[in-house]
N, C-alpha and C. Protein backbone atom coordinates (compact mmCIF):
# COMPACT_ATOMS: atom_id res chain seq x y z
N MET A 1 118.69 22.20 67.66
CA MET A 1 118.61 21.35 66.48
C MET A 1 118.77 22.23 65.24
N ASN A 2 119.69 21.89 64.40
CA ASN A 2 119.96 22.74 63.25
C ASN A 2 118.94 22.58 62.13
N ASP A 3 118.09 21.57 62.16
CA ASP A 3 117.05 21.45 61.13
C ASP A 3 115.72 22.04 61.59
N LEU A 4 115.74 22.73 62.71
CA LEU A 4 114.53 23.30 63.30
C LEU A 4 114.59 24.81 63.17
N ASP A 5 113.51 25.40 62.66
CA ASP A 5 113.40 26.85 62.54
C ASP A 5 112.39 27.32 63.57
N ILE A 6 112.79 28.22 64.47
CA ILE A 6 111.86 28.77 65.46
C ILE A 6 111.57 30.20 65.08
N ARG A 7 110.27 30.51 65.00
CA ARG A 7 109.85 31.85 64.60
C ARG A 7 108.57 32.21 65.33
N CYS A 8 108.24 33.49 65.28
CA CYS A 8 107.00 33.97 65.86
C CYS A 8 105.85 33.71 64.88
N ALA A 9 104.72 33.34 65.41
CA ALA A 9 103.54 33.12 64.58
C ALA A 9 103.04 34.45 64.03
N THR A 10 102.41 34.38 62.88
CA THR A 10 101.80 35.55 62.25
C THR A 10 100.30 35.29 62.11
N PRO A 11 99.53 36.31 61.77
CA PRO A 11 98.09 36.09 61.59
C PRO A 11 97.75 35.00 60.57
N THR A 12 98.60 34.79 59.59
CA THR A 12 98.31 33.75 58.60
C THR A 12 98.52 32.35 59.15
N ASP A 13 99.09 32.21 60.34
CA ASP A 13 99.34 30.90 60.95
C ASP A 13 98.20 30.42 61.84
N VAL A 14 97.22 31.26 62.12
CA VAL A 14 96.21 30.94 63.13
C VAL A 14 95.53 29.61 62.87
N ASP A 15 95.02 29.38 61.69
CA ASP A 15 94.29 28.14 61.43
C ASP A 15 95.21 26.92 61.51
N ALA A 16 96.43 27.05 61.03
CA ALA A 16 97.39 25.94 61.10
C ALA A 16 97.73 25.62 62.56
N VAL A 17 97.87 26.64 63.38
CA VAL A 17 98.16 26.42 64.80
C VAL A 17 96.99 25.70 65.47
N LEU A 18 95.78 26.11 65.19
CA LEU A 18 94.62 25.44 65.78
C LEU A 18 94.53 23.98 65.35
N ARG A 19 94.79 23.70 64.08
CA ARG A 19 94.81 22.30 63.62
C ARG A 19 95.92 21.52 64.34
N PHE A 20 97.08 22.15 64.47
CA PHE A 20 98.20 21.50 65.14
C PHE A 20 97.84 21.16 66.58
N TRP A 21 97.26 22.11 67.31
CA TRP A 21 96.90 21.85 68.70
C TRP A 21 95.90 20.72 68.84
N ARG A 22 94.95 20.61 67.89
CA ARG A 22 93.98 19.51 67.96
C ARG A 22 94.69 18.17 67.86
N GLU A 23 95.78 18.12 67.13
CA GLU A 23 96.51 16.87 66.94
C GLU A 23 97.58 16.64 68.01
N ALA A 24 98.24 17.69 68.45
CA ALA A 24 99.45 17.53 69.27
C ALA A 24 99.32 17.95 70.73
N ALA A 25 98.36 18.78 71.06
CA ALA A 25 98.28 19.33 72.42
C ALA A 25 97.33 18.50 73.28
N GLU A 26 97.62 18.48 74.56
CA GLU A 26 96.74 17.83 75.53
C GLU A 26 95.76 18.88 76.04
N GLY A 27 94.51 18.52 76.14
CA GLY A 27 93.51 19.42 76.68
C GLY A 27 93.18 20.56 75.73
N THR A 28 92.21 21.34 76.12
CA THR A 28 91.81 22.50 75.34
C THR A 28 91.66 23.69 76.28
N SER A 29 91.68 24.84 75.69
CA SER A 29 91.53 26.08 76.44
C SER A 29 90.33 26.84 75.88
N ILE A 30 89.76 27.68 76.69
CA ILE A 30 88.64 28.50 76.25
C ILE A 30 89.05 29.43 75.10
N SER A 31 90.35 29.69 74.99
CA SER A 31 90.85 30.59 73.94
C SER A 31 91.31 29.86 72.69
N ASP A 32 91.09 28.56 72.61
CA ASP A 32 91.51 27.77 71.45
C ASP A 32 90.52 27.92 70.30
N ASP A 33 90.42 29.14 69.81
CA ASP A 33 89.61 29.39 68.63
C ASP A 33 90.29 30.49 67.82
N HIS A 34 89.78 30.73 66.64
CA HIS A 34 90.42 31.68 65.73
C HIS A 34 90.58 33.05 66.38
N ASP A 35 89.52 33.55 66.99
CA ASP A 35 89.58 34.88 67.61
C ASP A 35 90.59 34.93 68.76
N GLY A 36 90.65 33.87 69.56
CA GLY A 36 91.57 33.86 70.69
C GLY A 36 93.02 33.90 70.25
N VAL A 37 93.38 33.07 69.28
CA VAL A 37 94.77 33.03 68.81
C VAL A 37 95.11 34.31 68.04
N ALA A 38 94.17 34.79 67.23
CA ALA A 38 94.41 36.04 66.49
C ALA A 38 94.61 37.21 67.45
N ARG A 39 93.85 37.24 68.52
CA ARG A 39 93.98 38.31 69.52
C ARG A 39 95.35 38.25 70.19
N LEU A 40 95.80 37.04 70.52
CA LEU A 40 97.13 36.88 71.11
C LEU A 40 98.21 37.44 70.19
N ILE A 41 98.17 37.06 68.94
CA ILE A 41 99.19 37.51 67.97
C ILE A 41 99.11 39.02 67.77
N SER A 42 97.91 39.55 67.75
CA SER A 42 97.74 40.99 67.57
C SER A 42 98.27 41.77 68.77
N ARG A 43 97.98 41.29 69.96
CA ARG A 43 98.39 41.99 71.18
C ARG A 43 99.89 41.87 71.44
N ASP A 44 100.44 40.67 71.20
CA ASP A 44 101.86 40.43 71.46
C ASP A 44 102.42 39.56 70.34
N PRO A 45 102.85 40.18 69.26
CA PRO A 45 103.27 39.44 68.07
C PRO A 45 104.44 38.48 68.26
N GLU A 46 105.15 38.58 69.39
CA GLU A 46 106.29 37.70 69.61
C GLU A 46 106.00 36.60 70.64
N ALA A 47 104.77 36.51 71.12
CA ALA A 47 104.46 35.56 72.19
C ALA A 47 104.30 34.13 71.72
N LEU A 48 103.68 33.91 70.59
CA LEU A 48 103.43 32.54 70.12
C LEU A 48 104.60 32.11 69.24
N LEU A 49 105.39 31.18 69.77
CA LEU A 49 106.56 30.69 69.06
C LEU A 49 106.24 29.36 68.39
N LEU A 50 106.67 29.24 67.15
CA LEU A 50 106.48 28.01 66.39
C LEU A 50 107.84 27.40 66.08
N ALA A 51 107.94 26.11 66.25
CA ALA A 51 109.10 25.36 65.79
C ALA A 51 108.66 24.65 64.52
N GLU A 52 109.40 24.87 63.45
CA GLU A 52 109.05 24.23 62.17
C GLU A 52 110.20 23.37 61.69
N ARG A 53 109.82 22.29 61.05
CA ARG A 53 110.78 21.41 60.40
C ARG A 53 110.21 21.11 59.02
N ASP A 54 111.00 21.38 58.01
CA ASP A 54 110.57 21.17 56.62
C ASP A 54 109.26 21.90 56.32
N GLY A 55 109.10 23.10 56.89
CA GLY A 55 107.93 23.92 56.61
C GLY A 55 106.67 23.51 57.34
N ARG A 56 106.75 22.52 58.22
CA ARG A 56 105.58 22.06 58.98
C ARG A 56 105.78 22.33 60.46
N ILE A 57 104.71 22.64 61.16
CA ILE A 57 104.81 22.90 62.59
C ILE A 57 105.18 21.61 63.32
N ALA A 58 106.27 21.69 64.08
CA ALA A 58 106.71 20.57 64.90
C ALA A 58 106.38 20.81 66.37
N GLY A 59 106.22 22.09 66.75
CA GLY A 59 105.92 22.40 68.14
C GLY A 59 105.54 23.86 68.32
N THR A 60 104.93 24.15 69.48
CA THR A 60 104.52 25.52 69.81
C THR A 60 104.75 25.77 71.29
N VAL A 61 104.89 27.03 71.63
CA VAL A 61 104.81 27.46 73.02
C VAL A 61 104.37 28.93 72.99
N ILE A 62 103.53 29.28 73.95
CA ILE A 62 103.18 30.68 74.14
C ILE A 62 104.07 31.20 75.27
N ALA A 63 104.85 32.22 74.97
CA ALA A 63 105.77 32.82 75.93
C ALA A 63 105.25 34.22 76.26
N GLY A 64 104.33 34.29 77.19
CA GLY A 64 103.69 35.55 77.53
C GLY A 64 104.40 36.27 78.67
N PHE A 65 104.50 37.58 78.55
CA PHE A 65 105.10 38.39 79.62
C PHE A 65 104.26 39.64 79.78
N ASP A 66 103.80 39.88 81.00
CA ASP A 66 102.93 41.03 81.27
C ASP A 66 103.66 42.17 81.96
N GLY A 67 104.98 42.09 82.01
CA GLY A 67 105.76 43.10 82.70
C GLY A 67 106.05 42.72 84.14
N TRP A 68 105.37 41.71 84.63
CA TRP A 68 105.54 41.25 86.00
C TRP A 68 105.97 39.79 86.03
N ARG A 69 105.26 38.96 85.26
CA ARG A 69 105.50 37.53 85.32
C ARG A 69 105.63 36.95 83.92
N CYS A 70 106.55 36.02 83.79
CA CYS A 70 106.72 35.26 82.54
C CYS A 70 105.86 34.01 82.65
N SER A 71 105.06 33.74 81.63
CA SER A 71 104.18 32.58 81.65
C SER A 71 104.32 31.79 80.37
N ALA A 72 104.43 30.49 80.53
CA ALA A 72 104.54 29.59 79.38
C ALA A 72 103.28 28.74 79.29
N TYR A 73 102.68 28.74 78.12
CA TYR A 73 101.45 28.00 77.87
C TYR A 73 101.57 27.24 76.56
N ARG A 74 100.75 26.25 76.41
CA ARG A 74 100.57 25.54 75.13
C ARG A 74 101.87 25.02 74.55
N LEU A 75 102.75 24.50 75.43
CA LEU A 75 103.91 23.78 74.92
C LEU A 75 103.38 22.47 74.35
N ALA A 76 103.53 22.31 73.07
CA ALA A 76 103.02 21.12 72.40
C ALA A 76 104.02 20.72 71.33
N VAL A 77 104.24 19.42 71.20
CA VAL A 77 105.14 18.89 70.18
C VAL A 77 104.39 17.81 69.42
N HIS A 78 104.51 17.85 68.11
CA HIS A 78 103.84 16.85 67.28
C HIS A 78 104.30 15.46 67.70
N PRO A 79 103.38 14.50 67.76
CA PRO A 79 103.76 13.14 68.19
C PRO A 79 104.94 12.54 67.42
N ASP A 80 105.07 12.85 66.14
CA ASP A 80 106.19 12.31 65.35
C ASP A 80 107.52 12.99 65.66
N CYS A 81 107.48 14.10 66.40
CA CYS A 81 108.70 14.88 66.67
C CYS A 81 109.11 14.85 68.14
N ARG A 82 108.41 14.08 68.94
CA ARG A 82 108.72 14.05 70.38
C ARG A 82 110.05 13.35 70.64
N ARG A 83 110.69 13.78 71.71
CA ARG A 83 111.98 13.24 72.15
C ARG A 83 113.09 13.51 71.13
N GLN A 84 112.94 14.65 70.44
CA GLN A 84 113.95 15.06 69.45
C GLN A 84 114.47 16.47 69.74
N GLY A 85 114.21 16.99 70.92
CA GLY A 85 114.72 18.30 71.30
C GLY A 85 113.85 19.48 70.93
N VAL A 86 112.66 19.24 70.40
CA VAL A 86 111.78 20.34 69.98
C VAL A 86 111.32 21.15 71.18
N ALA A 87 110.84 20.49 72.22
CA ALA A 87 110.38 21.21 73.41
C ALA A 87 111.52 22.01 74.03
N SER A 88 112.69 21.41 74.12
CA SER A 88 113.84 22.12 74.69
C SER A 88 114.19 23.35 73.88
N ALA A 89 114.17 23.21 72.56
CA ALA A 89 114.49 24.36 71.69
C ALA A 89 113.45 25.47 71.85
N LEU A 90 112.18 25.10 71.95
CA LEU A 90 111.13 26.10 72.15
C LEU A 90 111.28 26.80 73.50
N LEU A 91 111.56 26.03 74.54
CA LEU A 91 111.71 26.64 75.86
C LEU A 91 112.95 27.52 75.92
N ASP A 92 114.02 27.13 75.25
CA ASP A 92 115.21 27.98 75.17
C ASP A 92 114.86 29.32 74.52
N ALA A 93 114.10 29.27 73.44
CA ALA A 93 113.70 30.50 72.74
C ALA A 93 112.79 31.34 73.62
N ALA A 94 111.87 30.70 74.33
CA ALA A 94 110.98 31.43 75.23
C ALA A 94 111.79 32.10 76.34
N GLU A 95 112.74 31.39 76.91
CA GLU A 95 113.55 31.94 77.99
C GLU A 95 114.42 33.09 77.50
N GLU A 96 114.93 32.99 76.29
CA GLU A 96 115.69 34.10 75.72
C GLU A 96 114.80 35.34 75.60
N ARG A 97 113.57 35.14 75.16
CA ARG A 97 112.62 36.25 75.06
C ARG A 97 112.38 36.87 76.43
N PHE A 98 112.13 36.02 77.41
CA PHE A 98 111.86 36.52 78.76
C PHE A 98 113.04 37.31 79.32
N LEU A 99 114.24 36.79 79.15
CA LEU A 99 115.43 37.50 79.64
C LEU A 99 115.58 38.85 78.97
N ALA A 100 115.34 38.90 77.66
CA ALA A 100 115.46 40.17 76.93
C ALA A 100 114.44 41.19 77.42
N LEU A 101 113.30 40.71 77.91
CA LEU A 101 112.24 41.60 78.41
C LEU A 101 112.41 41.94 79.89
N GLY A 102 113.40 41.36 80.54
CA GLY A 102 113.63 41.62 81.95
C GLY A 102 112.95 40.64 82.89
N GLY A 103 112.47 39.53 82.36
CA GLY A 103 111.80 38.53 83.19
C GLY A 103 112.76 37.87 84.17
N ARG A 104 112.19 37.39 85.28
CA ARG A 104 113.00 36.79 86.33
C ARG A 104 112.67 35.34 86.63
N ARG A 105 111.44 34.94 86.37
CA ARG A 105 111.02 33.57 86.66
C ARG A 105 109.89 33.21 85.72
N VAL A 106 109.86 31.96 85.31
CA VAL A 106 108.82 31.48 84.39
C VAL A 106 107.84 30.61 85.16
N ASP A 107 106.56 30.89 84.98
CA ASP A 107 105.50 30.01 85.46
C ASP A 107 104.98 29.22 84.26
N ALA A 108 104.84 27.93 84.44
CA ALA A 108 104.32 27.09 83.37
C ALA A 108 103.05 26.40 83.84
N MET A 109 102.05 26.40 82.99
CA MET A 109 100.82 25.69 83.30
C MET A 109 100.88 24.32 82.62
N VAL A 110 100.82 23.26 83.44
CA VAL A 110 100.96 21.90 82.94
C VAL A 110 99.81 21.08 83.50
N LEU A 111 99.11 20.38 82.64
CA LEU A 111 97.98 19.56 83.09
C LEU A 111 98.46 18.47 84.06
N GLU A 112 97.71 18.29 85.14
CA GLU A 112 98.06 17.28 86.14
C GLU A 112 98.18 15.88 85.53
N ALA A 113 97.27 15.52 84.66
CA ALA A 113 97.22 14.17 84.12
C ALA A 113 98.24 13.92 83.00
N ASN A 114 98.90 14.95 82.53
CA ASN A 114 99.82 14.81 81.40
C ASN A 114 101.23 14.49 81.91
N GLU A 115 101.44 13.24 82.32
CA GLU A 115 102.73 12.85 82.90
C GLU A 115 103.88 12.97 81.90
N ARG A 116 103.61 12.75 80.64
CA ARG A 116 104.66 12.92 79.62
C ARG A 116 105.18 14.35 79.66
N ALA A 117 104.27 15.31 79.82
CA ALA A 117 104.69 16.71 79.90
C ALA A 117 105.48 16.98 81.18
N HIS A 118 105.11 16.33 82.28
CA HIS A 118 105.85 16.52 83.52
C HIS A 118 107.32 16.17 83.31
N HIS A 119 107.57 15.09 82.61
CA HIS A 119 108.95 14.67 82.34
C HIS A 119 109.66 15.68 81.45
N ALA A 120 108.97 16.18 80.44
CA ALA A 120 109.59 17.16 79.52
C ALA A 120 109.95 18.44 80.27
N TRP A 121 109.03 18.94 81.08
CA TRP A 121 109.31 20.16 81.84
C TRP A 121 110.46 19.93 82.81
N GLY A 122 110.44 18.81 83.51
CA GLY A 122 111.49 18.49 84.46
C GLY A 122 112.86 18.37 83.81
N ALA A 123 112.89 17.80 82.62
CA ALA A 123 114.15 17.62 81.91
C ALA A 123 114.77 18.95 81.48
N THR A 124 113.96 20.00 81.42
CA THR A 124 114.48 21.31 81.01
C THR A 124 114.69 22.24 82.21
N GLY A 125 114.66 21.67 83.42
CA GLY A 125 115.01 22.43 84.60
C GLY A 125 113.86 23.03 85.40
N TYR A 126 112.64 22.75 85.01
CA TYR A 126 111.49 23.27 85.74
C TYR A 126 111.11 22.30 86.84
N HIS A 127 110.50 22.81 87.90
CA HIS A 127 110.03 21.96 88.98
C HIS A 127 108.64 22.41 89.42
N ARG A 128 107.94 21.47 89.97
CA ARG A 128 106.57 21.71 90.43
C ARG A 128 106.59 22.34 91.82
N GLU A 129 105.77 23.33 92.01
CA GLU A 129 105.59 23.92 93.33
C GLU A 129 104.26 23.44 93.90
N GLU A 130 104.33 22.62 94.90
CA GLU A 130 103.14 21.98 95.46
C GLU A 130 102.20 22.96 96.16
N HIS A 131 102.71 24.08 96.62
CA HIS A 131 101.89 24.98 97.42
C HIS A 131 101.03 25.93 96.58
N TRP A 132 101.11 25.86 95.25
CA TRP A 132 100.29 26.72 94.40
C TRP A 132 99.21 25.90 93.72
N ARG A 133 98.07 26.50 93.53
CA ARG A 133 96.99 25.93 92.74
C ARG A 133 96.44 27.03 91.87
N ARG A 134 95.99 26.67 90.71
CA ARG A 134 95.42 27.63 89.77
C ARG A 134 93.96 27.87 90.11
N TRP A 135 93.56 29.11 90.16
CA TRP A 135 92.17 29.51 90.36
C TRP A 135 91.72 30.21 89.09
N VAL A 136 90.56 29.85 88.58
CA VAL A 136 90.09 30.43 87.31
C VAL A 136 88.63 30.85 87.41
N LYS A 137 88.27 31.73 86.52
CA LYS A 137 86.88 32.13 86.33
C LYS A 137 86.73 32.48 84.85
N SER A 138 85.88 31.79 84.16
CA SER A 138 85.63 32.10 82.76
C SER A 138 84.81 33.37 82.66
N LEU A 139 85.13 34.20 81.68
CA LEU A 139 84.40 35.45 81.49
C LEU A 139 83.39 35.32 80.36
């Protein structure tokens, strides 16, 4: 989309991103606070991608790479911007980043109950692997 600007988040974006996620993202994460997002940006300044339209956040995705696995988190699109190619543009940018870093496959974490997201991920070429389940432990 030519009216969409995709850029990496900076420390000055942290509060705006948190407000955006409260409005546009499904579910919450233990890291959805100022320190968590600031730490992400500090550790990997190119991981949190923002899609902006007219200076406002239209969507986000975290494109994390640890040298072994590419992981996509927090793909979120503002309700007023859905079905306009924002998610596709963000995932294209994330995949470009992963390829440049030598990534080979992307894992995406998608909430089971978020069927709208299932359609968005599927439309961009991702598929669900039934034999995997996420195991977590909060620290």
